[in-house]
PDB file of N, CA and C in Angstrom:
ATOM      1  N   MET A   1     -22.381  11.063 -12.756  1.00  0.00           N
ATOM      2  CA  MET A   1     -23.575  10.885 -11.965  1.00  0.00           C
ATOM      3  C   MET A   1     -24.218   9.496 -12.528  1.00  0.00           C
ATOM      4  N   ALA A   2     -24.158   9.285 -13.903  1.00  0.00           N
ATOM      5  CA  ALA A   2     -24.776   8.074 -14.444  1.00  0.00           C
ATOM      6  C   ALA A   2     -23.874   6.755 -13.862  1.00  0.00           C
ATOM      7  N   PRO A   3     -22.594   6.746 -14.041  1.00  0.00           N
ATOM      8  CA  PRO A   3     -21.875   5.654 -13.613  1.00  0.00           C
ATOM      9  C   PRO A   3     -22.153   5.301 -12.076  1.00  0.00           C
ATOM     10  N   VAL A   4     -22.253   6.345 -11.306  1.00  0.00           N
ATOM     11  CA  VAL A   4     -22.440   6.241  -9.836  1.00  0.00           C
ATOM     12  C   VAL A   4     -23.785   5.612  -9.662  1.00  0.00           C
ATOM     13  N   ALA A   5     -24.721   5.912 -10.463  1.00  0.00           N
ATOM     14  CA  ALA A   5     -26.183   5.484 -10.246  1.00  0.00           C
ATOM     15  C   ALA A   5     -26.115   4.000 -10.628  1.00  0.00           C
ATOM     16  N   VAL A   6     -25.506   3.710 -11.617  1.00  0.00           N
ATOM     17  CA  VAL A   6     -25.597   2.363 -12.137  1.00  0.00           C
ATOM     18  C   VAL A   6     -24.873   1.354 -11.056  1.00  0.00           C
ATOM     19  N   LEU A   7     -23.754   1.908 -10.540  1.00  0.00           N
ATOM     20  CA  LEU A   7     -23.128   1.112  -9.435  1.00  0.00           C
ATOM     21  C   LEU A   7     -24.015   1.125  -8.212  1.00  0.00           C
ATOM     22  N   ILE A   8     -24.699   1.981  -7.749  1.00  0.00           N
ATOM     23  CA  ILE A   8     -25.658   1.847  -6.669  1.00  0.00           C
ATOM     24  C   ILE A   8     -26.686   0.975  -6.856  1.00  0.00           C
ATOM     25  N   ILE A   9     -27.287   1.052  -8.166  1.00  0.00           N
ATOM     26  CA  ILE A   9     -28.504   0.171  -8.538  1.00  0.00           C
ATOM     27  C   ILE A   9     -27.873  -1.300  -8.508  1.00  0.00           C
ATOM     28  N   GLY A  10     -26.768  -1.474  -9.089  1.00  0.00           N
ATOM     29  CA  GLY A  10     -26.123  -2.914  -9.269  1.00  0.00           C
ATOM     30  C   GLY A  10     -25.950  -3.507  -7.848  1.00  0.00           C
ATOM     31  N   ALA A  11     -25.399  -2.516  -6.940  1.00  0.00           N
ATOM     32  CA  ALA A  11     -24.984  -3.035  -5.516  1.00  0.00           C
ATOM     33  C   ALA A  11     -26.472  -3.391  -4.885  1.00  0.00           C
ATOM     34  N   LEU A  12     -27.435  -2.540  -5.096  1.00  0.00           N
ATOM     35  CA  LEU A  12     -28.673  -2.821  -4.339  1.00  0.00           C
ATOM     36  C   LEU A  12     -29.318  -4.163  -4.956  1.00  0.00           C
ATOM     37  N   LEU A  13     -29.287  -4.498  -6.222  1.00  0.00           N
ATOM     38  CA  LEU A  13     -29.698  -5.552  -6.756  1.00  0.00           C
ATOM     39  C   LEU A  13     -29.023  -6.903  -6.151  1.00  0.00           C
ATOM     40  N   ILE A  14     -27.601  -6.798  -6.248  1.00  0.00           N
ATOM     41  CA  ILE A  14     -26.875  -7.721  -5.627  1.00  0.00           C
ATOM     42  C   ILE A  14     -27.254  -8.100  -4.176  1.00  0.00           C
ATOM     43  N   TYR A  15     -27.227  -6.949  -3.460  1.00  0.00           N
ATOM     44  CA  TYR A  15     -27.553  -7.144  -2.052  1.00  0.00           C
ATOM     45  C   TYR A  15     -28.936  -7.825  -1.746  1.00  0.00           C
ATOM     46  N   ALA A  16     -29.787  -7.329  -2.610  1.00  0.00           N
ATOM     47  CA  ALA A  16     -31.217  -7.785  -2.456  1.00  0.00           C
ATOM     48  C   ALA A  16     -31.395  -9.268  -2.880  1.00  0.00           C
ATOM     49  N   GLY A  17     -30.524  -9.647  -3.888  1.00  0.00           N
ATOM     50  CA  GLY A  17     -30.329 -11.094  -4.245  1.00  0.00           C
ATOM     51  C   GLY A  17     -29.766 -11.929  -3.072  1.00  0.00           C
ATOM     52  N   VAL A  18     -28.622 -11.437  -2.603  1.00  0.00           N
ATOM     53  CA  VAL A  18     -27.949 -12.221  -1.527  1.00  0.00           C
ATOM     54  C   VAL A  18     -28.806 -12.403  -0.336  1.00  0.00           C
ATOM     55  N   THR A  19     -29.413 -11.265   0.055  1.00  0.00           N
ATOM     56  CA  THR A  19     -30.147 -11.327   1.372  1.00  0.00           C
ATOM     57  C   THR A  19     -31.414 -12.130   1.124  1.00  0.00           C
ATOM     58  N   GLY A  20     -31.924 -12.059  -0.187  1.00  0.00           N
ATOM     59  CA  GLY A  20     -33.241 -12.846  -0.430  1.00  0.00           C
ATOM     60  C   GLY A  20     -32.780 -14.372  -0.299  1.00  0.00           C
ATOM     61  N   ARG A  21     -31.614 -14.855  -0.931  1.00  0.00           N
ATOM     62  CA  ARG A  21     -31.209 -16.206  -0.901  1.00  0.00           C
ATOM     63  C   ARG A  21     -31.188 -16.659   0.637  1.00  0.00           C
ATOM     64  N   ILE A  22     -30.416 -15.765   1.425  1.00  0.00           N
ATOM     65  CA  ILE A  22     -30.014 -15.983   2.886  1.00  0.00           C
ATOM     66  C   ILE A  22     -31.435 -16.150   3.476  1.00  0.00           C
ATOM     67  N   GLU A  23     -32.458 -15.162   3.431  1.00  0.00           N
ATOM     68  CA  GLU A  23     -33.732 -15.296   4.092  1.00  0.00           C
ATOM     69  C   GLU A  23     -34.460 -16.552   3.547  1.00  0.00           C
ATOM     70  N   GLY A  24     -34.243 -16.948   2.366  1.00  0.00           N
ATOM     71  CA  GLY A  24     -34.929 -18.160   1.803  1.00  0.00           C
ATOM     72  C   GLY A  24     -34.488 -19.411   2.621  1.00  0.00           C
ATOM     73  N   ILE A  25     -33.164 -19.355   2.766  1.00  0.00           N
ATOM     74  CA  ILE A  25     -32.484 -20.590   3.382  1.00  0.00           C
ATOM     75  C   ILE A  25     -32.944 -20.558   4.807  1.00  0.00           C
ATOM     76  N   ILE A  26     -32.877 -19.461   5.572  1.00  0.00           N
ATOM     77  CA  ILE A  26     -33.289 -19.250   7.051  1.00  0.00           C
ATOM     78  C   ILE A  26     -34.703 -19.811   7.187  1.00  0.00           C
ATOM     79  N   ARG A  27     -35.580 -19.342   6.238  1.00  0.00           N
ATOM     80  CA  ARG A  27     -37.131 -19.708   6.275  1.00  0.00           C
ATOM     81  C   ARG A  27     -37.281 -21.188   6.030  1.00  0.00           C
ATOM     82  N   ALA A  28     -36.455 -21.732   5.213  1.00  0.00           N
ATOM     83  CA  ALA A  28     -36.492 -23.239   4.948  1.00  0.00           C
ATOM     84  C   ALA A  28     -35.980 -23.936   6.036  1.00  0.00           C
ATOM     85  N   LEU A  29     -35.087 -23.512   6.769  1.00  0.00           N
ATOM     86  CA  LEU A  29     -34.694 -24.202   8.002  1.00  0.00           C
ATOM     87  C   LEU A  29     -35.307 -23.871   9.217  1.00  0.00           C
ATOM     88  N   ASN A  30     -35.705 -22.658   9.302  1.00  0.00           N
ATOM     89  CA  ASN A  30     -36.613 -22.346  10.515  1.00  0.00           C
ATOM     90  C   ASN A  30     -37.960 -21.765  10.084  1.00  0.00           C
ATOM     91  N   PRO A  31     -38.809 -22.648   9.968  1.00  0.00           N
ATOM     92  CA  PRO A  31     -40.271 -22.023   9.650  1.00  0.00           C
ATOM     93  C   PRO A  31     -40.767 -21.030  10.659  1.00  0.00           C
ATOM     94  N   PRO A  32     -41.604 -19.994  10.234  1.00  0.00           N
ATOM     95  CA  PRO A  32     -42.004 -19.082  11.362  1.00  0.00           C
ATOM     96  C   PRO A  32     -42.914 -19.748  12.300  1.00  0.00           C
ATOM     97  N   ASP A  33     -43.018 -19.280  13.507  1.00  0.00           N
ATOM     98  CA  ASP A  33     -43.855 -20.006  14.609  1.00  0.00           C
ATOM     99  C   ASP A  33     -45.270 -19.347  14.565  1.00  0.00           C
ATOM    100  N   GLU A  34     -45.528 -18.537  13.597  1.00  0.00           N
ATOM    101  CA  GLU A  34     -46.925 -17.997  13.531  1.00  0.00           C
ATOM    102  C   GLU A  34     -48.056 -18.959  13.203  1.00  0.00           C
TER     103      GLU A  34
END
């Protein structure tokens, strides 16, 4: 259980970091029209 939980948390952190970087780049290139 423990190793699985660590892998899941690690994957979520990596996924959040990657998506965060992508969103940051997209926002920098395409500012919101609001």
